[in-house]
Amino acid sequence: MRNSIISIAAATLIAATLVGCGGETPKPAEPAVTTFGCKQENVLAPKWTCIPMVEGAYAGVGIGEKSAAGMAHMRKVAQMNGRSDLAQQIKVQVKSRMKGFTQTTGAADSETVDKMTQAVDDQMAQVDLSRSKAVDYWEAPSGNIYILMTVPEDYINEKVNETAKTSFKNDNALWQQFQASKAFDAMDAALAK
């Protein structure tokens, strides 16, 4: 009797296992979740060291290599490099702003516009980045430091617009040539109607 009870229990267990497994369809494997892992010097680093972004500001990363001159020197070097990164971004901003400014005033691409863009570009290269500041810091295993530098977007945008307008007005010959070009464009448009 004991063998029969064990046999019935074993058969029930096997049947329950087969019914449980047979009724379910296997679920497809979950796709691997890929997350962005910023690496500097072969170690995970803060994301901003790879993609510097701060809401409402231009952001750049500066690196200060480990130096016998000490941490203060390394910070100055990193901040200087970060400001250089910001200056490059501002230069791109100047070019796109100038294109927008000249389009809104009705001028096509011309030698005058190119000269004025260069004049604004030259002046903006001298824009004081005194409102730039360090907002984050990370020290790599090697001892190098990474500093996240920012400058407010609205400040830079205001300076770009001011510089564009004053540059056009300060170079009288180019300003007159630009105004004449606009007048001819307007006359051509009126005659075409």
Protein backbone atom coordinates (compact mmCIF):
# COMPACT_ATOMS: atom_id res chain seq x y z
CA MET A 1 0.00 0.00 0.00
CA ARG A 2 2.78 2.30 0.80
CA ASN A 3 4.30 1.79 -2.68
CA SER A 4 0.92 2.55 -4.26
CA ILE A 5 0.58 5.81 -2.38
CA ILE A 6 4.09 6.82 -3.39
CA SER A 7 3.38 5.84 -7.00
CA ILE A 8 0.10 7.83 -7.05
CA ALA A 9 1.79 10.85 -5.47
CA ALA A 10 4.66 10.67 -7.97
CA ALA A 11 2.25 10.32 -10.91
CA THR A 12 0.20 13.28 -9.65
CA LEU A 13 3.32 15.38 -9.26
CA ILE A 14 4.53 14.50 -12.77
CA ALA A 15 1.08 15.20 -14.26
CA ALA A 16 0.84 18.54 -12.48
CA THR A 17 4.31 19.51 -13.71
CA LEU A 18 3.51 18.55 -17.31
CA VAL A 19 0.18 20.39 -17.28
CA GLY A 20 1.79 23.47 -15.71
CA CYS A 21 4.66 23.58 -18.21
CA GLY A 22 2.66 22.58 -21.25
CA GLY A 23 0.03 25.31 -20.88
CA GLU A 24 2.42 28.22 -20.89
CA THR A 25 4.14 29.58 -23.97
CA PRO A 26 7.66 30.78 -23.36
CA LYS A 27 8.01 34.57 -23.17
CA PRO A 28 10.51 36.20 -25.50
CA ALA A 29 13.67 37.35 -23.85
CA GLU A 30 13.59 40.97 -22.69
CA PRO A 31 15.79 43.20 -24.83
CA ALA A 32 18.91 44.35 -23.07
CA VAL A 33 18.54 47.82 -21.63
CA THR A 34 21.33 49.99 -22.95
CA THR A 35 22.28 52.90 -20.77
CA PHE A 36 24.82 55.55 -21.60
CA GLY A 37 27.97 54.98 -19.63
CA CYS A 38 30.37 57.87 -19.88
CA LYS A 39 33.94 56.71 -19.56
CA GLN A 40 37.01 58.82 -19.04
CA GLU A 41 40.38 57.16 -18.65
CA ASN A 42 38.64 53.75 -18.85
CA VAL A 43 36.47 54.32 -15.77
CA LEU A 44 32.86 55.40 -15.42
CA ALA A 45 32.68 59.16 -15.09
CA PRO A 46 29.90 61.73 -14.63
CA LYS A 47 27.83 62.09 -17.80
CA TRP A 48 28.66 65.80 -18.08
CA THR A 49 32.33 64.92 -18.73
CA CYS A 50 31.22 63.38 -22.05
CA ILE A 51 28.16 65.51 -22.85
CA PRO A 52 28.30 68.88 -21.09
CA MET A 53 24.75 70.18 -20.77
CA VAL A 54 23.18 72.58 -18.29
CA GLU A 55 19.66 73.99 -18.72
CA GLY A 56 19.73 77.68 -19.70
CA ALA A 57 23.48 77.85 -20.18
CA TYR A 58 26.26 77.08 -22.58
CA ALA A 59 28.41 74.39 -20.99
CA GLY A 60 31.94 73.26 -21.65
CA VAL A 61 34.37 70.87 -20.02
CA GLY A 62 37.91 71.77 -19.11
CA ILE A 63 40.59 69.28 -18.14
CA GLY A 64 43.53 70.02 -15.91
CA GLU A 65 46.26 67.39 -16.00
CA LYS A 66 47.87 66.31 -12.78
CA SER A 67 50.69 68.70 -12.05
CA ALA A 68 53.42 69.16 -9.50
CA ALA A 69 52.32 72.81 -9.43
CA GLY A 70 49.38 71.73 -7.29
CA MET A 71 45.60 71.67 -7.30
CA ALA A 72 45.14 75.46 -7.62
CA HIS A 73 47.17 75.45 -10.83
CA MET A 74 45.27 72.41 -12.16
CA ARG A 75 41.93 74.15 -11.49
CA LYS A 76 43.06 77.30 -13.32
CA VAL A 77 44.16 75.23 -16.33
CA ALA A 78 40.87 73.27 -16.33
CA GLN A 79 38.82 76.47 -16.08
CA MET A 80 40.84 78.06 -18.90
CA ASN A 81 40.22 74.99 -21.10
CA GLY A 82 36.53 75.05 -20.21
CA ARG A 83 36.30 78.73 -21.21
CA SER A 84 38.02 77.91 -24.49
CA ASP A 85 35.34 75.28 -25.12
CA LEU A 86 32.66 77.90 -24.33
CA ALA A 87 34.30 80.40 -26.72
CA GLN A 88 34.09 77.87 -29.57
CA GLN A 89 30.38 77.35 -28.89
CA ILE A 90 29.80 81.10 -28.84
CA LYS A 91 31.59 81.45 -32.17
CA VAL A 92 29.11 78.98 -33.69
CA GLN A 93 26.29 80.97 -32.05
CA VAL A 94 27.57 84.18 -33.65
CA LYS A 95 27.54 82.65 -37.11
CA SER A 96 23.99 81.31 -36.76
CA ARG A 97 22.74 84.57 -35.19
CA MET A 98 24.30 86.65 -37.96
CA LYS A 99 22.66 84.47 -40.57
CA GLY A 100 19.32 84.97 -38.84
CA PHE A 101 19.89 88.71 -38.42
CA THR A 102 20.76 89.27 -42.07
CA GLN A 103 17.82 87.16 -43.21
CA THR A 104 15.35 89.13 -41.09
CA THR A 105 16.65 92.39 -42.56
CA GLY A 106 16.08 91.03 -46.04
CA ALA A 107 19.60 90.72 -47.36
CA ALA A 108 20.75 87.72 -49.31
CA ASP A 109 24.17 86.19 -48.89
CA SER A 110 26.58 88.79 -50.21
CA GLU A 111 30.06 90.17 -49.75
CA THR A 112 28.70 92.84 -47.41
CA VAL A 113 27.02 90.29 -45.19
CA ASP A 114 30.17 88.18 -45.15
CA LYS A 115 32.28 91.20 -44.15
CA MET A 116 29.82 92.16 -41.43
CA THR A 117 29.69 88.59 -40.14
CA GLN A 118 33.48 88.62 -39.91
CA ALA A 119 33.41 91.97 -38.06
CA VAL A 120 30.88 90.66 -35.54
CA ASP A 121 32.80 87.40 -35.22
CA ASP A 122 36.01 89.31 -34.47
CA GLN A 123 34.29 91.43 -31.81
CA MET A 124 32.52 88.46 -30.21
CA ALA A 125 35.84 86.61 -29.95
CA GLN A 126 36.74 89.30 -27.43
CA VAL A 127 33.52 88.92 -25.40
CA ASP A 128 34.35 88.78 -21.75
CA LEU A 129 33.43 85.40 -20.27
CA SER A 130 33.46 86.91 -16.78
CA ARG A 131 29.99 85.47 -16.15
CA SER A 132 31.30 81.97 -16.72
CA LYS A 133 31.59 79.80 -13.64
CA ALA A 134 32.55 76.29 -12.58
CA VAL A 135 29.47 74.27 -11.59
CA ASP A 136 30.83 70.74 -11.18
CA TYR A 137 34.11 68.95 -10.60
CA TRP A 138 35.40 65.38 -10.96
CA GLU A 139 38.82 63.93 -10.24
CA ALA A 140 39.87 60.99 -12.39
CA PRO A 141 41.90 58.08 -11.00
CA SER A 142 44.99 59.49 -12.75
CA GLY A 143 44.68 62.70 -10.75
CA ASN A 144 43.49 64.75 -13.73
CA ILE A 145 40.55 67.00 -12.94
CA TYR A 146 37.47 67.73 -15.03
CA ILE A 147 35.55 70.97 -14.48
CA LEU A 148 32.15 71.80 -15.95
CA MET A 149 32.05 75.50 -16.91
CA THR A 150 28.88 77.40 -17.82
CA VAL A 151 27.83 80.84 -18.98
CA PRO A 152 24.14 81.93 -19.14
CA GLU A 153 22.58 81.60 -22.61
CA ASP A 154 20.52 84.78 -22.24
CA TYR A 155 23.65 86.82 -21.45
CA ILE A 156 25.48 85.53 -24.54
CA ASN A 157 22.42 85.90 -26.79
CA GLU A 158 22.02 89.51 -25.64
CA LYS A 159 25.70 90.24 -26.33
CA VAL A 160 25.54 88.62 -29.78
CA ASN A 161 22.51 90.72 -30.76
CA GLU A 162 24.05 93.95 -29.41
CA THR A 163 27.32 93.30 -31.19
CA ALA A 164 25.62 92.47 -34.48
CA LYS A 165 23.59 95.67 -34.47
CA THR A 166 26.49 97.92 -33.43
CA SER A 167 28.88 96.32 -35.89
CA PHE A 168 26.55 97.07 -38.76
CA LYS A 169 26.20 100.68 -37.68
CA ASN A 170 29.87 101.26 -36.78
CA ASP A 171 31.25 100.48 -40.21
CA ASN A 172 29.57 103.28 -42.15
CA ALA A 173 30.68 102.15 -45.61
CA LEU A 174 29.45 98.61 -45.07
CA TRP A 175 26.27 99.86 -43.39
CA GLN A 176 25.49 102.09 -46.35
CA GLN A 177 26.27 99.26 -48.77
CA PHE A 178 24.03 96.96 -46.77
CA GLN A 179 21.19 99.53 -46.68
CA ALA A 180 21.55 100.13 -50.43
CA SER A 181 21.39 96.40 -51.05
CA LYS A 182 18.18 96.23 -48.99
CA ALA A 183 16.72 99.17 -50.92
CA PHE A 184 17.52 97.54 -54.27
CA ASP A 185 16.01 94.26 -53.09
CA ALA A 186 12.84 96.08 -52.01
CA MET A 187 12.67 97.95 -55.34
CA ASP A 188 13.14 94.69 -57.29
CA ALA A 189 10.36 93.08 -55.28
CA ALA A 190 8.03 96.02 -55.90
CA LEU A 191 8.75 96.05 -59.64
CA ALA A 192 8.16 92.32 -59.88
CA LYS A 193 4.51 92.78 -58.76
